[in-house]
Amino acid sequence: MIRRLQRAGLAVVVGPHPTTWHLEQSAADRAQLLAFWGRVAPALRPLDPRLAYPEILNEPVFAGAPEAWRAVQDAALATVCAALPDATVILTGTDWGASTGWWGCARSPIPTWSTASITMSHRN
């Protein structure tokens, strides 16, 4: 499906949209996120990186805990970048991707070692 969309010149965002994970409370679910990217990122290698954008997680919650989400997102980003060093990766703030989801972070949402990341937020 992704290749067909790319042949038509369309870009695709690829990312998990879990409905049963509770990343804030569950180390097992956080491990599932890393395992997801450990499987999916290498599978994206043959795709045109100008038209395939990994998004670490759609609408993370982590209400009131932006630094906790930042640690999880950084670990997943490292996994993605190891497999896809030329990819532009979409990073998302907490609180369902609200623009306010970055405000509690003590550091920039983009790690200094990541050369091709963009941040995404929903307008609130």
N, C-alpha and C. Protein backbone atom coordinates (compact mmCIF):
# COMPACT_ATOMS: atom_id res chain seq x y z
N MET A 1 0.82 -1.19 0.00
CA MET A 1 0.00 0.00 0.00
C MET A 1 0.87 1.26 0.00
N ILE A 2 1.91 1.30 0.84
CA ILE A 2 2.76 2.49 0.91
C ILE A 2 3.45 2.73 -0.43
N ARG A 3 3.97 1.67 -1.04
CA ARG A 3 4.63 1.85 -2.33
C ARG A 3 3.67 2.40 -3.39
N ARG A 4 2.44 1.93 -3.37
CA ARG A 4 1.46 2.42 -4.33
C ARG A 4 1.20 3.91 -4.12
N LEU A 5 1.08 4.33 -2.88
CA LEU A 5 0.89 5.75 -2.59
C LEU A 5 2.11 6.57 -3.02
N GLN A 6 3.30 6.03 -2.76
CA GLN A 6 4.50 6.74 -3.16
C GLN A 6 4.62 6.85 -4.67
N ARG A 7 4.23 5.82 -5.39
CA ARG A 7 4.25 5.89 -6.86
C ARG A 7 3.35 7.01 -7.38
N ALA A 8 2.32 7.32 -6.62
CA ALA A 8 1.42 8.40 -6.98
C ALA A 8 1.96 9.76 -6.50
N GLY A 9 3.15 9.75 -5.87
CA GLY A 9 3.76 10.99 -5.40
C GLY A 9 3.28 11.45 -4.05
N LEU A 10 2.58 10.58 -3.34
CA LEU A 10 2.05 10.95 -2.02
C LEU A 10 3.01 10.52 -0.91
N ALA A 11 3.10 11.35 0.10
CA ALA A 11 3.90 11.01 1.28
C ALA A 11 3.01 10.26 2.27
N VAL A 12 3.65 9.44 3.10
CA VAL A 12 2.92 8.60 4.04
C VAL A 12 3.56 8.75 5.43
N VAL A 13 2.71 8.94 6.43
CA VAL A 13 3.16 8.92 7.82
C VAL A 13 2.89 7.52 8.34
N VAL A 14 3.93 6.90 8.93
CA VAL A 14 3.81 5.54 9.44
C VAL A 14 4.06 5.58 10.94
N GLY A 15 3.11 5.09 11.71
CA GLY A 15 3.29 5.07 13.15
C GLY A 15 2.21 4.26 13.83
N PRO A 16 2.48 3.85 15.06
CA PRO A 16 1.49 3.06 15.79
C PRO A 16 0.37 3.95 16.35
N HIS A 17 -0.81 3.37 16.36
CA HIS A 17 -1.99 4.02 16.93
C HIS A 17 -2.63 3.03 17.90
N PRO A 18 -1.91 2.65 18.97
CA PRO A 18 -2.43 1.61 19.85
C PRO A 18 -3.61 2.10 20.68
N THR A 19 -4.56 1.21 20.86
CA THR A 19 -5.72 1.55 21.69
C THR A 19 -5.68 0.85 23.05
N THR A 20 -4.79 -0.11 23.19
CA THR A 20 -4.74 -0.85 24.45
C THR A 20 -3.47 -0.62 25.25
N TRP A 21 -2.51 0.09 24.68
CA TRP A 21 -1.28 0.36 25.42
C TRP A 21 -1.51 1.45 26.46
N HIS A 22 -0.80 1.33 27.57
CA HIS A 22 -0.81 2.34 28.63
C HIS A 22 0.65 2.65 28.95
N LEU A 23 1.28 3.38 28.06
CA LEU A 23 2.72 3.62 28.16
C LEU A 23 3.11 4.34 29.44
N GLU A 24 2.21 5.15 29.98
CA GLU A 24 2.52 5.89 31.20
C GLU A 24 2.73 4.97 32.39
N GLN A 25 1.99 3.87 32.44
CA GLN A 25 2.04 2.96 33.59
C GLN A 25 2.74 1.64 33.32
N SER A 26 2.92 1.27 32.07
CA SER A 26 3.34 -0.10 31.76
C SER A 26 4.69 -0.17 31.05
N ALA A 27 5.67 -0.72 31.74
CA ALA A 27 6.97 -0.95 31.13
C ALA A 27 6.84 -1.94 29.96
N ALA A 28 5.93 -2.89 30.08
CA ALA A 28 5.72 -3.86 29.00
C ALA A 28 5.20 -3.17 27.74
N ASP A 29 4.31 -2.20 27.91
CA ASP A 29 3.80 -1.47 26.74
C ASP A 29 4.88 -0.58 26.14
N ARG A 30 5.72 0.02 26.98
CA ARG A 30 6.84 0.81 26.46
C ARG A 30 7.77 -0.10 25.66
N ALA A 31 7.99 -1.32 26.14
CA ALA A 31 8.82 -2.28 25.42
C ALA A 31 8.17 -2.66 24.08
N GLN A 32 6.83 -2.73 24.06
CA GLN A 32 6.13 -3.02 22.80
C GLN A 32 6.34 -1.91 21.78
N LEU A 33 6.38 -0.65 22.24
CA LEU A 33 6.64 0.46 21.33
C LEU A 33 8.03 0.32 20.71
N LEU A 34 9.03 0.02 21.54
CA LEU A 34 10.38 -0.15 21.02
C LEU A 34 10.46 -1.36 20.09
N ALA A 35 9.77 -2.43 20.43
CA ALA A 35 9.76 -3.63 19.57
C ALA A 35 9.07 -3.33 18.24
N PHE A 36 8.00 -2.55 18.30
CA PHE A 36 7.31 -2.14 17.07
C PHE A 36 8.30 -1.46 16.12
N TRP A 37 9.03 -0.47 16.63
CA TRP A 37 9.97 0.24 15.77
C TRP A 37 11.17 -0.63 15.40
N GLY A 38 11.52 -1.57 16.25
CA GLY A 38 12.59 -2.51 15.90
C GLY A 38 12.22 -3.37 14.70
N ARG A 39 10.93 -3.64 14.52
CA ARG A 39 10.44 -4.41 13.37
C ARG A 39 10.12 -3.52 12.17
N VAL A 40 9.43 -2.42 12.42
CA VAL A 40 8.90 -1.61 11.33
C VAL A 40 9.97 -0.74 10.67
N ALA A 41 10.84 -0.13 11.44
CA ALA A 41 11.84 0.77 10.84
C ALA A 41 12.68 0.06 9.78
N PRO A 42 13.23 -1.13 10.04
CA PRO A 42 13.98 -1.80 8.98
C PRO A 42 13.12 -2.12 7.75
N ALA A 43 11.83 -2.38 7.96
CA ALA A 43 10.94 -2.68 6.83
C ALA A 43 10.70 -1.44 5.96
N LEU A 44 10.94 -0.25 6.50
CA LEU A 44 10.75 0.98 5.74
C LEU A 44 11.97 1.36 4.90
N ARG A 45 13.08 0.68 5.11
CA ARG A 45 14.32 1.03 4.39
C ARG A 45 14.17 1.11 2.87
N PRO A 46 13.46 0.20 2.23
CA PRO A 46 13.38 0.28 0.75
C PRO A 46 12.55 1.46 0.24
N LEU A 47 11.81 2.10 1.12
CA LEU A 47 10.92 3.18 0.69
C LEU A 47 11.68 4.49 0.53
N ASP A 48 11.16 5.37 -0.30
CA ASP A 48 11.74 6.69 -0.52
C ASP A 48 11.64 7.50 0.77
N PRO A 49 12.76 7.87 1.40
CA PRO A 49 12.69 8.60 2.67
C PRO A 49 12.09 10.00 2.53
N ARG A 50 12.00 10.51 1.31
CA ARG A 50 11.36 11.82 1.11
C ARG A 50 9.85 11.71 1.17
N LEU A 51 9.34 10.47 1.11
CA LEU A 51 7.89 10.27 1.08
C LEU A 51 7.39 9.31 2.16
N ALA A 52 8.24 8.94 3.10
CA ALA A 52 7.83 8.06 4.20
C ALA A 52 8.34 8.67 5.51
N TYR A 53 7.41 9.01 6.39
CA TYR A 53 7.75 9.69 7.63
C TYR A 53 7.33 8.87 8.84
N PRO A 54 8.28 8.28 9.54
CA PRO A 54 7.91 7.58 10.77
C PRO A 54 7.46 8.58 11.84
N GLU A 55 6.35 8.30 12.48
CA GLU A 55 5.89 9.08 13.64
C GLU A 55 5.99 8.15 14.84
N ILE A 56 6.76 8.54 15.84
CA ILE A 56 7.04 7.65 16.97
C ILE A 56 5.76 7.09 17.58
N LEU A 57 4.77 7.93 17.84
CA LEU A 57 3.51 7.46 18.41
C LEU A 57 2.44 8.51 18.14
N ASN A 58 1.29 8.08 17.68
CA ASN A 58 0.19 8.99 17.48
C ASN A 58 -0.43 9.37 18.83
N GLU A 59 -0.50 10.64 19.10
CA GLU A 59 -1.20 11.20 20.25
C GLU A 59 -0.84 10.55 21.59
N PRO A 60 0.42 10.65 22.02
CA PRO A 60 0.76 10.14 23.35
C PRO A 60 0.06 10.96 24.43
N VAL A 61 -0.22 10.35 25.55
CA VAL A 61 -0.92 11.06 26.63
C VAL A 61 0.11 11.64 27.60
N PHE A 62 0.62 10.86 28.53
CA PHE A 62 1.61 11.30 29.51
C PHE A 62 1.24 12.65 30.13
N ALA A 63 -0.03 12.80 30.49
CA ALA A 63 -0.50 14.06 31.06
C ALA A 63 0.32 14.44 32.29
N GLY A 64 0.85 15.63 32.26
CA GLY A 64 1.63 16.13 33.39
C GLY A 64 3.00 15.50 33.54
N ALA A 65 3.43 14.72 32.56
CA ALA A 65 4.73 14.03 32.65
C ALA A 65 5.50 14.12 31.34
N PRO A 66 5.75 15.33 30.86
CA PRO A 66 6.43 15.45 29.57
C PRO A 66 7.84 14.87 29.55
N GLU A 67 8.55 14.93 30.65
CA GLU A 67 9.91 14.38 30.66
C GLU A 67 9.88 12.85 30.59
N ALA A 68 8.85 12.22 31.17
CA ALA A 68 8.73 10.77 31.06
C ALA A 68 8.49 10.37 29.61
N TRP A 69 7.59 11.12 28.93
CA TRP A 69 7.36 10.84 27.51
C TRP A 69 8.61 11.11 26.70
N ARG A 70 9.31 12.18 27.04
CA ARG A 70 10.54 12.52 26.30
C ARG A 70 11.53 11.36 26.35
N ALA A 71 11.68 10.71 27.50
CA ALA A 71 12.61 9.57 27.63
C ALA A 71 12.16 8.40 26.75
N VAL A 72 10.87 8.12 26.73
CA VAL A 72 10.34 7.03 25.90
C VAL A 72 10.53 7.37 24.42
N GLN A 73 10.18 8.59 24.05
CA GLN A 73 10.29 9.00 22.65
C GLN A 73 11.75 8.99 22.19
N ASP A 74 12.67 9.45 23.05
CA ASP A 74 14.10 9.43 22.69
C ASP A 74 14.59 8.01 22.42
N ALA A 75 14.16 7.05 23.25
CA ALA A 75 14.58 5.66 23.05
C ALA A 75 14.03 5.11 21.73
N ALA A 76 12.78 5.41 21.44
CA ALA A 76 12.19 4.95 20.18
C ALA A 76 12.85 5.65 18.99
N LEU A 77 13.15 6.93 19.14
CA LEU A 77 13.80 7.67 18.06
C LEU A 77 15.18 7.08 17.75
N ALA A 78 15.91 6.69 18.78
CA ALA A 78 17.22 6.07 18.56
C ALA A 78 17.07 4.78 17.76
N THR A 79 16.04 4.00 18.05
CA THR A 79 15.79 2.76 17.32
C THR A 79 15.46 3.05 15.86
N VAL A 80 14.61 4.04 15.63
CA VAL A 80 14.24 4.40 14.26
C VAL A 80 15.46 4.92 13.49
N CYS A 81 16.22 5.81 14.11
CA CYS A 81 17.37 6.41 13.42
C CYS A 81 18.47 5.40 13.14
N ALA A 82 18.60 4.38 13.98
CA ALA A 82 19.59 3.34 13.72
C ALA A 82 19.26 2.59 12.43
N ALA A 83 17.98 2.38 12.17
CA ALA A 83 17.56 1.66 10.97
C ALA A 83 17.36 2.59 9.78
N LEU A 84 16.99 3.83 10.04
CA LEU A 84 16.64 4.78 8.97
C LEU A 84 17.39 6.10 9.18
N PRO A 85 18.70 6.11 8.99
CA PRO A 85 19.45 7.32 9.29
C PRO A 85 19.09 8.53 8.44
N ASP A 86 18.45 8.33 7.29
CA ASP A 86 18.08 9.45 6.42
C ASP A 86 16.62 9.86 6.56
N ALA A 87 15.91 9.23 7.46
CA ALA A 87 14.48 9.52 7.60
C ALA A 87 14.25 10.82 8.34
N THR A 88 13.17 11.49 7.99
CA THR A 88 12.66 12.60 8.78
C THR A 88 11.61 11.99 9.70
N VAL A 89 11.83 12.11 10.99
CA VAL A 89 10.98 11.46 11.99
C VAL A 89 10.08 12.50 12.65
N ILE A 90 8.82 12.16 12.80
CA ILE A 90 7.86 13.06 13.44
C ILE A 90 7.84 12.78 14.94
N LEU A 91 8.08 13.82 15.71
CA LEU A 91 8.04 13.76 17.17
C LEU A 91 6.79 14.48 17.65
N THR A 92 6.20 13.98 18.72
CA THR A 92 4.93 14.52 19.19
C THR A 92 5.00 14.82 20.68
N GLY A 93 4.37 15.91 21.09
CA GLY A 93 4.30 16.26 22.51
C GLY A 93 3.25 15.45 23.23
N THR A 94 3.19 15.63 24.53
CA THR A 94 2.23 14.91 25.37
C THR A 94 0.82 15.46 25.22
N ASP A 95 -0.07 14.96 26.05
CA ASP A 95 -1.46 15.43 26.10
C ASP A 95 -2.14 15.31 24.74
N TRP A 96 -2.04 14.12 24.14
CA TRP A 96 -2.70 13.80 22.87
C TRP A 96 -2.13 14.63 21.72
N GLY A 97 -0.88 15.04 21.84
CA GLY A 97 -0.25 15.80 20.77
C GLY A 97 -0.61 17.27 20.79
N ALA A 98 -1.12 17.77 21.90
CA ALA A 98 -1.48 19.19 21.99
C ALA A 98 -0.23 20.06 21.91
N SER A 99 -0.38 21.26 21.42
CA SER A 99 0.76 22.16 21.33
C SER A 99 1.35 22.43 22.71
N THR A 100 0.52 22.35 23.75
CA THR A 100 1.02 22.55 25.11
C THR A 100 1.82 21.36 25.61
N GLY A 101 1.83 20.26 24.87
CA GLY A 101 2.54 19.05 25.30
C GLY A 101 4.04 19.18 25.35
N TRP A 102 4.59 20.23 24.77
CA TRP A 102 6.05 20.45 24.83
C TRP A 102 6.44 21.37 25.96
N TRP A 103 5.51 22.10 26.54
CA TRP A 103 5.84 23.17 27.47
C TRP A 103 6.55 22.69 28.72
N GLY A 104 6.26 21.50 29.19
CA GLY A 104 6.87 21.03 30.43
C GLY A 104 8.25 20.42 30.26
N CYS A 105 8.73 20.30 29.03
CA CYS A 105 10.05 19.70 28.80
C CYS A 105 11.15 20.69 29.17
N ALA A 106 12.09 20.20 29.93
CA ALA A 106 13.22 21.05 30.32
C ALA A 106 14.18 21.23 29.16
N ARG A 107 14.13 20.33 28.18
CA ARG A 107 15.04 20.39 27.03
C ARG A 107 14.24 20.53 25.75
N SER A 108 14.93 20.85 24.69
CA SER A 108 14.30 20.91 23.37
C SER A 108 13.70 19.56 23.06
N PRO A 109 12.55 19.52 22.37
CA PRO A 109 11.95 18.23 22.02
C PRO A 109 12.77 17.46 20.99
N ILE A 110 13.68 18.12 20.31
CA ILE A 110 14.48 17.43 19.30
C ILE A 110 15.88 17.19 19.86
N PRO A 111 16.28 15.92 19.98
CA PRO A 111 17.63 15.63 20.50
C PRO A 111 18.71 16.24 19.60
N THR A 112 19.80 16.65 20.20
CA THR A 112 20.86 17.30 19.43
C THR A 112 21.48 16.34 18.42
N TRP A 113 21.42 15.03 18.66
CA TRP A 113 22.02 14.07 17.73
C TRP A 113 21.11 13.74 16.57
N SER A 114 19.86 14.16 16.61
CA SER A 114 18.92 13.86 15.54
C SER A 114 18.95 14.99 14.52
N THR A 115 19.34 14.68 13.30
CA THR A 115 19.50 15.72 12.29
C THR A 115 18.28 15.92 11.42
N ALA A 116 17.32 15.02 11.47
CA ALA A 116 16.15 15.15 10.59
C ALA A 116 14.88 14.79 11.33
N SER A 117 14.51 15.62 12.29
CA SER A 117 13.28 15.39 13.04
C SER A 117 12.43 16.65 12.96
N ILE A 118 11.13 16.45 12.99
CA ILE A 118 10.21 17.58 13.06
C ILE A 118 9.25 17.33 14.20
N THR A 119 8.73 18.38 14.77
CA THR A 119 7.74 18.21 15.83
C THR A 119 6.36 18.44 15.26
N MET A 120 5.39 17.77 15.84
CA MET A 120 4.02 17.88 15.39
C MET A 120 3.17 18.13 16.62
N SER A 121 2.18 18.98 16.47
CA SER A 121 1.22 19.15 17.55
C SER A 121 -0.14 19.46 16.94
N HIS A 122 -1.15 19.13 17.70
CA HIS A 122 -2.51 19.46 17.30
C HIS A 122 -2.82 20.84 17.85
N ARG A 123 -3.59 21.56 17.15
CA ARG A 123 -3.98 22.87 17.65
C ARG A 123 -5.01 22.68 18.75
N ASN A 124 -4.83 23.40 19.84
CA ASN A 124 -5.83 23.31 20.90
C ASN A 124 -6.42 24.65 21.18
